[in-house]
C-alpha atoms as a PDB file:
ATOM      1  CA  MET A   1      23.836  21.922  16.675  1.00  0.00           C
ATOM      2  CA  LEU A   2      21.268  19.414  15.981  1.00  0.00           C
ATOM      3  CA  LYS A   3      20.870  16.425  18.317  1.00  0.00           C
ATOM      4  CA  THR A   4      19.101  12.882  17.533  1.00  0.00           C
ATOM      5  CA  ALA A   5      16.207  12.188  19.470  1.00  0.00           C
ATOM      6  CA  HIS A   6      15.713   9.270  21.248  1.00  0.00           C
ATOM      7  CA  ALA A   7      12.207   8.098  18.660  1.00  0.00           C
ATOM      8  CA  GLN A   8      14.867   8.395  16.488  1.00  0.00           C
ATOM      9  CA  THR A   9      17.883   6.122  17.322  1.00  0.00           C
ATOM     10  CA  SER A  10      18.107   2.730  16.163  1.00  0.00           C
ATOM     11  CA  VAL A  11      16.830   0.074  19.098  1.00  0.00           C
ATOM     12  CA  PRO A  12      16.528  -3.091  17.709  1.00  0.00           C
ATOM     13  CA  VAL A  13      13.494  -4.726  19.342  1.00  0.00           C
ATOM     14  CA  THR A  14      12.598  -8.104  18.461  1.00  0.00           C
ATOM     15  CA  VAL A  15       8.518  -9.213  18.501  1.00  0.00           C
ATOM     16  CA  VAL A  16       7.939 -12.632  19.458  1.00  0.00           C
ATOM     17  CA  ASP A  17       4.924 -14.972  18.621  1.00  0.00           C
ATOM     18  CA  PRO A  18       3.840 -15.642  22.352  1.00  0.00           C
ATOM     19  CA  PHE A  19       2.730 -19.409  21.297  1.00  0.00           C
ATOM     20  CA  SER A  20       5.625 -20.905  19.353  1.00  0.00           C
ATOM     21  CA  GLY A  21       8.539 -18.306  20.083  1.00  0.00           C
ATOM     22  CA  SER A  22       9.612 -17.823  17.013  1.00  0.00           C
ATOM     23  CA  PRO A  23      10.551 -14.110  15.922  1.00  0.00           C
ATOM     24  CA  ILE A  24       7.462 -12.254  14.141  1.00  0.00           C
ATOM     25  CA  ALA A  25       9.458  -9.100  13.110  1.00  0.00           C
ATOM     26  CA  THR A  26      12.570  -7.167  14.046  1.00  0.00           C
ATOM     27  CA  ALA A  27      11.837  -3.164  14.570  1.00  0.00           C
ATOM     28  CA  GLY A  28      14.370  -0.785  14.818  1.00  0.00           C
ATOM     29  CA  THR A  29      12.965   2.182  15.802  1.00  0.00           C
ATOM     30  CA  LEU A  30      10.087   3.813  17.993  1.00  0.00           C
ATOM     31  CA  ALA A  31       8.317   4.763  15.189  1.00  0.00           C
ATOM     32  CA  ALA A  32       8.220   1.121  13.601  1.00  0.00           C
ATOM     33  CA  ILE A  33       6.877  -0.366  17.076  1.00  0.00           C
ATOM     34  CA  PHE A  34       4.272   2.280  17.359  1.00  0.00           C
ATOM     35  CA  GLY A  35       3.482   1.148  13.462  1.00  0.00           C
ATOM     36  CA  VAL A  36       3.429  -2.727  14.540  1.00  0.00           C
ATOM     37  CA  VAL A  37       1.055  -1.809  17.344  1.00  0.00           C
ATOM     38  CA  MET A  38      -0.966   0.329  15.468  1.00  0.00           C
ATOM     39  CA  ASN A  39      -1.475  -2.499  12.847  1.00  0.00           C
ATOM     40  CA  LEU A  40      -2.095  -5.305  15.444  1.00  0.00           C
ATOM     41  CA  VAL A  41      -4.946  -2.682  17.460  1.00  0.00           C
ATOM     42  CA  ILE A  42      -6.852  -2.378  14.178  1.00  0.00           C
ATOM     43  CA  GLY A  43      -6.628  -6.088  13.508  1.00  0.00           C
ATOM     44  CA  VAL A  44      -8.447  -6.792  16.387  1.00  0.00           C
ATOM     45  CA  GLY A  45     -10.647  -4.286  15.886  1.00  0.00           C
ATOM     46  CA  ILE A  46     -11.984  -5.556  12.832  1.00  0.00           C
ATOM     47  CA  ALA A  47     -11.817  -8.635  14.263  1.00  0.00           C
ATOM     48  CA  LEU A  48     -14.173  -7.670  17.504  1.00  0.00           C
ATOM     49  CA  THR A  49     -16.312  -6.109  14.610  1.00  0.00           C
ATOM     50  CA  VAL A  50     -16.671  -9.309  13.047  1.00  0.00           C
ATOM     51  CA  ILE A  51     -17.310 -11.250  16.163  1.00  0.00           C
ATOM     52  CA  PHE A  52     -19.716  -8.595  17.185  1.00  0.00           C
ATOM     53  CA  LEU A  53     -21.836  -8.268  13.714  1.00  0.00           C
ATOM     54  CA  GLY A  54     -22.180 -11.890  13.742  1.00  0.00           C
ATOM     55  CA  ILE A  55     -23.147 -12.359  17.183  1.00  0.00           C
ATOM     56  CA  ALA A  56     -25.773  -9.382  17.070  1.00  0.00           C
ATOM     57  CA  GLY A  57     -27.240 -10.668  13.897  1.00  0.00           C
ATOM     58  CA  ILE A  58     -27.608 -14.330  15.284  1.00  0.00           C
ATOM     59  CA  GLU A  59     -29.411 -12.721  18.061  1.00  0.00           C
ATOM     60  CA  HIS A  60     -32.237 -10.389  16.056  1.00  0.00           C
ATOM     61  CA  ILE A  61     -32.388 -14.401  13.418  1.00  0.00           C
ATOM     62  CA  THR A  62     -33.562 -16.279  16.847  1.00  0.00           C
ATOM     63  CA  ALA A  63     -35.854 -13.667  18.588  1.00  0.00           C
ATOM     64  CA  LYS A  64     -39.211 -15.657  16.875  1.00  0.00           C
ATOM     65  CA  GLY A  65     -41.008 -12.156  16.860  1.00  0.00           C
ATOM     66  CA  ASP A  66     -39.984 -11.338  20.926  1.00  0.00           C
ATOM     67  CA  THR A  67     -40.051  -7.551  20.971  1.00  0.00           C
ATOM     68  CA  LYS A  68     -37.822  -6.902  23.694  1.00  0.00           C
ATOM     69  CA  LYS A  69     -34.887  -9.572  22.214  1.00  0.00           C
ATOM     70  CA  ALA A  70     -35.019  -7.860  19.170  1.00  0.00           C
ATOM     71  CA  ALA A  71     -34.469  -4.486  20.389  1.00  0.00           C
ATOM     72  CA  SER A  72     -31.727  -6.031  21.950  1.00  0.00           C
ATOM     73  CA  ALA A  73     -30.439  -7.590  19.033  1.00  0.00           C
ATOM     74  CA  ARG A  74     -30.713  -3.895  16.960  1.00  0.00           C
ATOM     75  CA  THR A  75     -28.896  -2.579  20.069  1.00  0.00           C
ATOM     76  CA  ALA A  76     -26.106  -4.767  19.694  1.00  0.00           C
ATOM     77  CA  LEU A  77     -26.439  -4.458  15.366  1.00  0.00           C
ATOM     78  CA  THR A  78     -26.451  -0.590  15.701  1.00  0.00           C
ATOM     79  CA  ASN A  79     -23.099  -0.891  18.542  1.00  0.00           C
ATOM     80  CA  ALA A  80     -21.070  -3.230  16.226  1.00  0.00           C
ATOM     81  CA  LEU A  81     -21.685  -1.082  13.221  1.00  0.00           C
ATOM     82  CA  ILE A  82     -20.457   2.128  15.222  1.00  0.00           C
ATOM     83  CA  GLY A  83     -17.236  -0.344  16.220  1.00  0.00           C
ATOM     84  CA  PHE A  84     -17.032  -0.766  12.223  1.00  0.00           C
ATOM     85  CA  LEU A  85     -17.394   3.187  11.936  1.00  0.00           C
ATOM     86  CA  ILE A  86     -14.453   3.957  14.805  1.00  0.00           C
ATOM     87  CA  VAL A  87     -12.534   1.066  13.301  1.00  0.00           C
ATOM     88  CA  VAL A  88     -12.620   2.534   9.941  1.00  0.00           C
ATOM     89  CA  GLY A  89     -12.257   6.300  11.158  1.00  0.00           C
ATOM     90  CA  ALA A  90      -8.920   5.035  12.941  1.00  0.00           C
ATOM     91  CA  ILE A  91      -7.518   3.392   9.214  1.00  0.00           C
ATOM     92  CA  THR A  92      -8.109   6.286   7.497  1.00  0.00           C
ATOM     93  CA  ILE A  93      -6.748   8.950  10.064  1.00  0.00           C
ATOM     94  CA  LYS A  94      -3.431   6.309   9.770  1.00  0.00           C
ATOM     95  CA  ILE A  95      -3.352   6.418   6.159  1.00  0.00           C
ATOM     96  CA  ILE A  96      -4.065  10.374   6.165  1.00  0.00           C
ATOM     97  CA  ALA A  97      -1.391  10.670   8.874  1.00  0.00           C
ATOM     98  CA  GLN A  98       1.290   8.914   6.675  1.00  0.00           C
ATOM     99  CA  ASN A  99       0.438  10.669   3.206  1.00  0.00           C
ATOM    100  CA  VAL A 100       0.818  13.811   5.866  1.00  0.00           C
ATOM    101  CA  VAL A 101       4.153  13.087   7.378  1.00  0.00           C
ATOM    102  CA  GLY A 102       5.399  11.558   3.623  1.00  0.00           C
ATOM    103  CA  ILE A 103       5.617   7.702   4.671  1.00  0.00           C
ATOM    104  CA  SER A 104       4.894   5.062   2.002  1.00  0.00           C
ATOM    105  CA  GLY A 105       2.148   2.743   2.551  1.00  0.00           C
ATOM    106  CA  THR A 106       5.544   0.003   4.174  1.00  0.00           C
ATOM    107  CA  ASN A 107       6.812  -0.757   7.224  1.00  0.00           C
ATOM    108  CA  SER A 108      10.007   0.797   6.786  1.00  0.00           C
ATOM    109  CA  GLY A 109      12.506  -0.163   9.550  1.00  0.00           C
ATOM    110  CA  ILE A 110      10.911  -3.542  10.170  1.00  0.00           C
ATOM    111  CA  SER A 111      11.924  -6.717   8.561  1.00  0.00           C
ATOM    112  CA  GLY A 112       9.566  -9.717   8.302  1.00  0.00           C
ATOM    113  CA  ILE A 113       6.130  -8.201   8.603  1.00  0.00           C
ATOM    114  CA  THR A 114       3.989  -6.985   5.528  1.00  0.00           C
ATOM    115  CA  PRO A 115       2.205  -3.932   5.374  1.00  0.00           C
ATOM    116  CA  PHE A 116      -1.329  -3.551   6.718  1.00  0.00           C
END
């Protein structure tokens, strides 16, 4: 006799916007909650990558021939690009894992959230 694992049980969880207090989404399973967290982490990673690329670019432009500042800006730019590749790799791994398991691109079990 097969029993249901705890990850498969339906426990409704509502994600609430911390600023307004209004519900953002309702998830019914642990897998759905994990999907929301993954999308949130990837979104934050993309935002941080763009911010750090911008900062490194501004540092490089404002170096004005100073070799130490230019080298520091190049290092920051390299690190931001490495971070970007890590985020793209995470998105790729997520999509491959979804295709291997057979999950469609939608967030099944979640209402109120658009897919990433």
